[in-house]
C-alpha atoms as a PDB file:
ATOM      1  CA  UNK A   1     -18.128 -78.954 -85.701  1.00  0.00           C
ATOM      2  CA  UNK A   2     -16.314 -77.078 -82.948  1.00  0.00           C
ATOM      3  CA  UNK A   3     -17.780 -77.580 -79.514  1.00  0.00           C
ATOM      4  CA  UNK A   4     -16.785 -76.477 -76.023  1.00  0.00           C
ATOM      5  CA  UNK A   5     -18.625 -77.962 -73.064  1.00  0.00           C
ATOM      6  CA  UNK A   6     -18.157 -76.661 -69.536  1.00  0.00           C
ATOM      7  CA  UNK A   7     -18.887 -78.602 -66.381  1.00  0.00           C
ATOM      8  CA  UNK A   8     -18.191 -78.467 -62.661  1.00  0.00           C
ATOM      9  CA  UNK A   9     -20.200 -75.456 -61.608  1.00  0.00           C
ATOM     10  CA  UNK A  10     -22.416 -75.456 -58.551  1.00  0.00           C
ATOM     11  CA  UNK A  11     -23.254 -73.761 -55.273  1.00  0.00           C
ATOM     12  CA  UNK A  12     -20.659 -73.421 -52.555  1.00  0.00           C
ATOM     13  CA  UNK A  13     -20.180 -71.461 -49.372  1.00  0.00           C
ATOM     14  CA  UNK A  14     -17.629 -68.658 -49.134  1.00  0.00           C
ATOM     15  CA  UNK A  15     -14.166 -70.123 -48.754  1.00  0.00           C
ATOM     16  CA  UNK A  16     -15.093 -73.217 -50.720  1.00  0.00           C
ATOM     17  CA  UNK A  17     -13.550 -74.641 -53.884  1.00  0.00           C
ATOM     18  CA  UNK A  18     -14.677 -75.785 -57.295  1.00  0.00           C
ATOM     19  CA  UNK A  19     -12.956 -77.126 -60.366  1.00  0.00           C
ATOM     20  CA  UNK A  20     -14.426 -76.238 -63.738  1.00  0.00           C
ATOM     21  CA  UNK A  21     -13.689 -78.289 -66.837  1.00  0.00           C
ATOM     22  CA  UNK A  22     -13.943 -77.389 -70.504  1.00  0.00           C
ATOM     23  CA  UNK A  23     -13.951 -80.257 -72.977  1.00  0.00           C
ATOM     24  CA  UNK A  24     -13.185 -79.286 -76.553  1.00  0.00           C
ATOM     25  CA  UNK A  25     -14.004 -81.226 -79.683  1.00  0.00           C
ATOM     26  CA  UNK A  26     -14.005 -80.671 -83.409  1.00  0.00           C
ATOM     27  CA  UNK A  27     -10.571 -79.073 -83.590  1.00  0.00           C
ATOM     28  CA  UNK A  28      -7.082 -79.421 -82.181  1.00  0.00           C
ATOM     29  CA  UNK A  29      -7.445 -77.565 -78.921  1.00  0.00           C
ATOM     30  CA  UNK A  30      -3.728 -77.751 -78.156  1.00  0.00           C
ATOM     31  CA  UNK A  31      -2.996 -75.166 -80.849  1.00  0.00           C
ATOM     32  CA  UNK A  32      -5.322 -72.576 -79.324  1.00  0.00           C
ATOM     33  CA  UNK A  33      -5.285 -70.381 -76.287  1.00  0.00           C
ATOM     34  CA  UNK A  34      -8.017 -71.274 -73.824  1.00  0.00           C
ATOM     35  CA  UNK A  35      -9.702 -68.668 -71.700  1.00  0.00           C
ATOM     36  CA  UNK A  36     -12.174 -68.616 -68.850  1.00  0.00           C
ATOM     37  CA  UNK A  37     -14.608 -65.748 -68.543  1.00  0.00           C
ATOM     38  CA  UNK A  38     -17.452 -64.985 -66.186  1.00  0.00           C
ATOM     39  CA  UNK A  39     -20.537 -62.839 -66.267  1.00  0.00           C
ATOM     40  CA  UNK A  40     -22.557 -61.785 -63.271  1.00  0.00           C
ATOM     41  CA  UNK A  41     -26.154 -60.687 -63.623  1.00  0.00           C
ATOM     42  CA  UNK A  42     -26.301 -57.172 -65.010  1.00  0.00           C
ATOM     43  CA  UNK A  43     -22.555 -56.960 -65.608  1.00  0.00           C
ATOM     44  CA  UNK A  44     -20.301 -57.329 -68.602  1.00  0.00           C
ATOM     45  CA  UNK A  45     -18.410 -60.491 -69.314  1.00  0.00           C
ATOM     46  CA  UNK A  46     -14.929 -60.352 -67.820  1.00  0.00           C
ATOM     47  CA  UNK A  47     -11.815 -62.415 -68.332  1.00  0.00           C
ATOM     48  CA  UNK A  48     -10.700 -64.564 -65.426  1.00  0.00           C
ATOM     49  CA  UNK A  49      -7.743 -66.578 -66.691  1.00  0.00           C
ATOM     50  CA  UNK A  50      -6.204 -67.825 -69.911  1.00  0.00           C
ATOM     51  CA  UNK A  51      -3.520 -70.266 -71.009  1.00  0.00           C
ATOM     52  CA  UNK A  52      -1.765 -70.550 -74.353  1.00  0.00           C
ATOM     53  CA  UNK A  53      -0.544 -73.611 -76.193  1.00  0.00           C
ATOM     54  CA  UNK A  54       2.836 -73.478 -74.442  1.00  0.00           C
ATOM     55  CA  UNK A  55       1.318 -73.335 -70.978  1.00  0.00           C
ATOM     56  CA  UNK A  56       1.875 -69.635 -70.328  1.00  0.00           C
ATOM     57  CA  UNK A  57      -0.920 -68.303 -68.133  1.00  0.00           C
ATOM     58  CA  UNK A  58      -2.441 -64.973 -67.225  1.00  0.00           C
ATOM     59  CA  UNK A  59      -5.046 -64.202 -64.571  1.00  0.00           C
ATOM     60  CA  UNK A  60      -7.151 -61.253 -63.565  1.00  0.00           C
ATOM     61  CA  UNK A  61      -5.912 -59.437 -60.461  1.00  0.00           C
ATOM     62  CA  UNK A  62      -9.133 -60.306 -58.643  1.00  0.00           C
ATOM     63  CA  UNK A  63      -8.386 -64.033 -58.775  1.00  0.00           C
ATOM     64  CA  UNK A  64      -4.610 -64.163 -58.404  1.00  0.00           C
ATOM     65  CA  UNK A  65      -3.600 -66.439 -55.586  1.00  0.00           C
ATOM     66  CA  UNK A  66      -7.001 -68.171 -55.644  1.00  0.00           C
ATOM     67  CA  UNK A  67      -7.666 -69.451 -59.192  1.00  0.00           C
ATOM     68  CA  UNK A  68      -5.413 -71.650 -61.307  1.00  0.00           C
ATOM     69  CA  UNK A  69      -5.842 -72.472 -64.981  1.00  0.00           C
ATOM     70  CA  UNK A  70      -4.285 -75.526 -66.560  1.00  0.00           C
ATOM     71  CA  UNK A  71      -4.847 -77.756 -69.541  1.00  0.00           C
ATOM     72  CA  UNK A  72      -4.556 -81.356 -70.634  1.00  0.00           C
ATOM     73  CA  UNK A  73      -3.784 -81.253 -74.333  1.00  0.00           C
ATOM     74  CA  UNK A  74      -3.968 -85.022 -74.686  1.00  0.00           C
ATOM     75  CA  UNK A  75      -7.630 -84.858 -73.717  1.00  0.00           C
ATOM     76  CA  UNK A  76      -8.455 -81.481 -75.294  1.00  0.00           C
ATOM     77  CA  UNK A  77      -9.557 -80.188 -71.902  1.00  0.00           C
ATOM     78  CA  UNK A  78      -8.832 -77.065 -69.903  1.00  0.00           C
ATOM     79  CA  UNK A  79      -9.537 -76.558 -66.221  1.00  0.00           C
ATOM     80  CA  UNK A  80     -10.093 -73.708 -63.807  1.00  0.00           C
ATOM     81  CA  UNK A  81      -9.356 -74.546 -60.205  1.00  0.00           C
ATOM     82  CA  UNK A  82     -11.050 -72.047 -57.898  1.00  0.00           C
ATOM     83  CA  UNK A  83     -10.153 -71.835 -54.214  1.00  0.00           C
ATOM     84  CA  UNK A  84     -11.181 -69.433 -51.463  1.00  0.00           C
ATOM     85  CA  UNK A  85     -14.313 -68.533 -53.349  1.00  0.00           C
ATOM     86  CA  UNK A  86     -16.069 -65.267 -52.534  1.00  0.00           C
ATOM     87  CA  UNK A  87     -19.642 -64.128 -53.133  1.00  0.00           C
ATOM     88  CA  UNK A  88     -18.345 -61.752 -55.803  1.00  0.00           C
ATOM     89  CA  UNK A  89     -17.117 -64.766 -57.784  1.00  0.00           C
ATOM     90  CA  UNK A  90     -20.750 -65.674 -58.468  1.00  0.00           C
ATOM     91  CA  UNK A  91     -21.700 -65.768 -62.136  1.00  0.00           C
ATOM     92  CA  UNK A  92     -21.929 -67.802 -65.301  1.00  0.00           C
ATOM     93  CA  UNK A  93     -18.508 -69.119 -66.255  1.00  0.00           C
ATOM     94  CA  UNK A  94     -17.645 -69.635 -69.898  1.00  0.00           C
ATOM     95  CA  UNK A  95     -14.664 -71.198 -71.567  1.00  0.00           C
ATOM     96  CA  UNK A  96     -13.437 -69.991 -74.925  1.00  0.00           C
ATOM     97  CA  UNK A  97     -10.808 -70.871 -77.505  1.00  0.00           C
ATOM     98  CA  UNK A  98      -8.872 -68.325 -79.493  1.00  0.00           C
ATOM     99  CA  UNK A  99      -5.578 -67.336 -81.014  1.00  0.00           C
ATOM    100  CA  UNK A 100      -4.496 -64.629 -78.585  1.00  0.00           C
ATOM    101  CA  UNK A 101      -3.492 -64.955 -74.951  1.00  0.00           C
ATOM    102  CA  UNK A 102      -5.445 -62.192 -73.259  1.00  0.00           C
ATOM    103  CA  UNK A 103      -8.477 -61.574 -71.091  1.00  0.00           C
ATOM    104  CA  UNK A 104     -10.758 -59.724 -73.489  1.00  0.00           C
ATOM    105  CA  UNK A 105     -13.652 -61.624 -75.099  1.00  0.00           C
ATOM    106  CA  UNK A 106     -12.715 -60.342 -78.554  1.00  0.00           C
ATOM    107  CA  UNK A 107     -10.201 -62.599 -80.218  1.00  0.00           C
ATOM    108  CA  UNK A 108     -11.807 -65.763 -78.901  1.00  0.00           C
ATOM    109  CA  UNK A 109     -13.469 -67.609 -81.727  1.00  0.00           C
ATOM    110  CA  UNK A 110     -15.315 -70.394 -79.952  1.00  0.00           C
ATOM    111  CA  UNK A 111     -17.415 -70.332 -76.808  1.00  0.00           C
ATOM    112  CA  UNK A 112     -19.125 -72.827 -74.571  1.00  0.00           C
ATOM    113  CA  UNK A 113     -22.616 -72.479 -73.138  1.00  0.00           C
ATOM    114  CA  UNK A 114     -21.437 -71.763 -69.622  1.00  0.00           C
ATOM    115  CA  UNK A 115     -21.717 -73.283 -66.174  1.00  0.00           C
ATOM    116  CA  UNK A 116     -23.187 -71.462 -63.180  1.00  0.00           C
ATOM    117  CA  UNK A 117     -21.137 -70.781 -60.070  1.00  0.00           C
ATOM    118  CA  UNK A 118     -22.919 -69.473 -56.975  1.00  0.00           C
ATOM    119  CA  UNK A 119     -21.043 -68.542 -53.820  1.00  0.00           C
ATOM    120  CA  UNK A 120     -23.368 -67.878 -50.935  1.00  0.00           C
ATOM    121  CA  UNK A 121     -23.769 -68.641 -47.265  1.00  0.00           C
END
């Protein structure tokens, strides 16, 4: 049974940092691309960052210079390090596993339940 479990969300002030984790089980995560997506209330889910099995990464323009994605294949875990957080970064953050390195939700086969990130003063 494939399972993705996110953790690390919370409430922070603008300018703060968080590190999200996504623990995968039930399959060999190292062979998949891992993506992070977010969804704010009333908005569509959007891609934030993704990393493929070779460590190549892509990020949305809105988070470049602030967010970093990396993975630990030995532990089947991917991470999203978020610095200089802004109120517009608020939303539910989801990790996903798929076969394509891109920032669209389609093409990702497995999804976690999400972890909430709130950036507010």
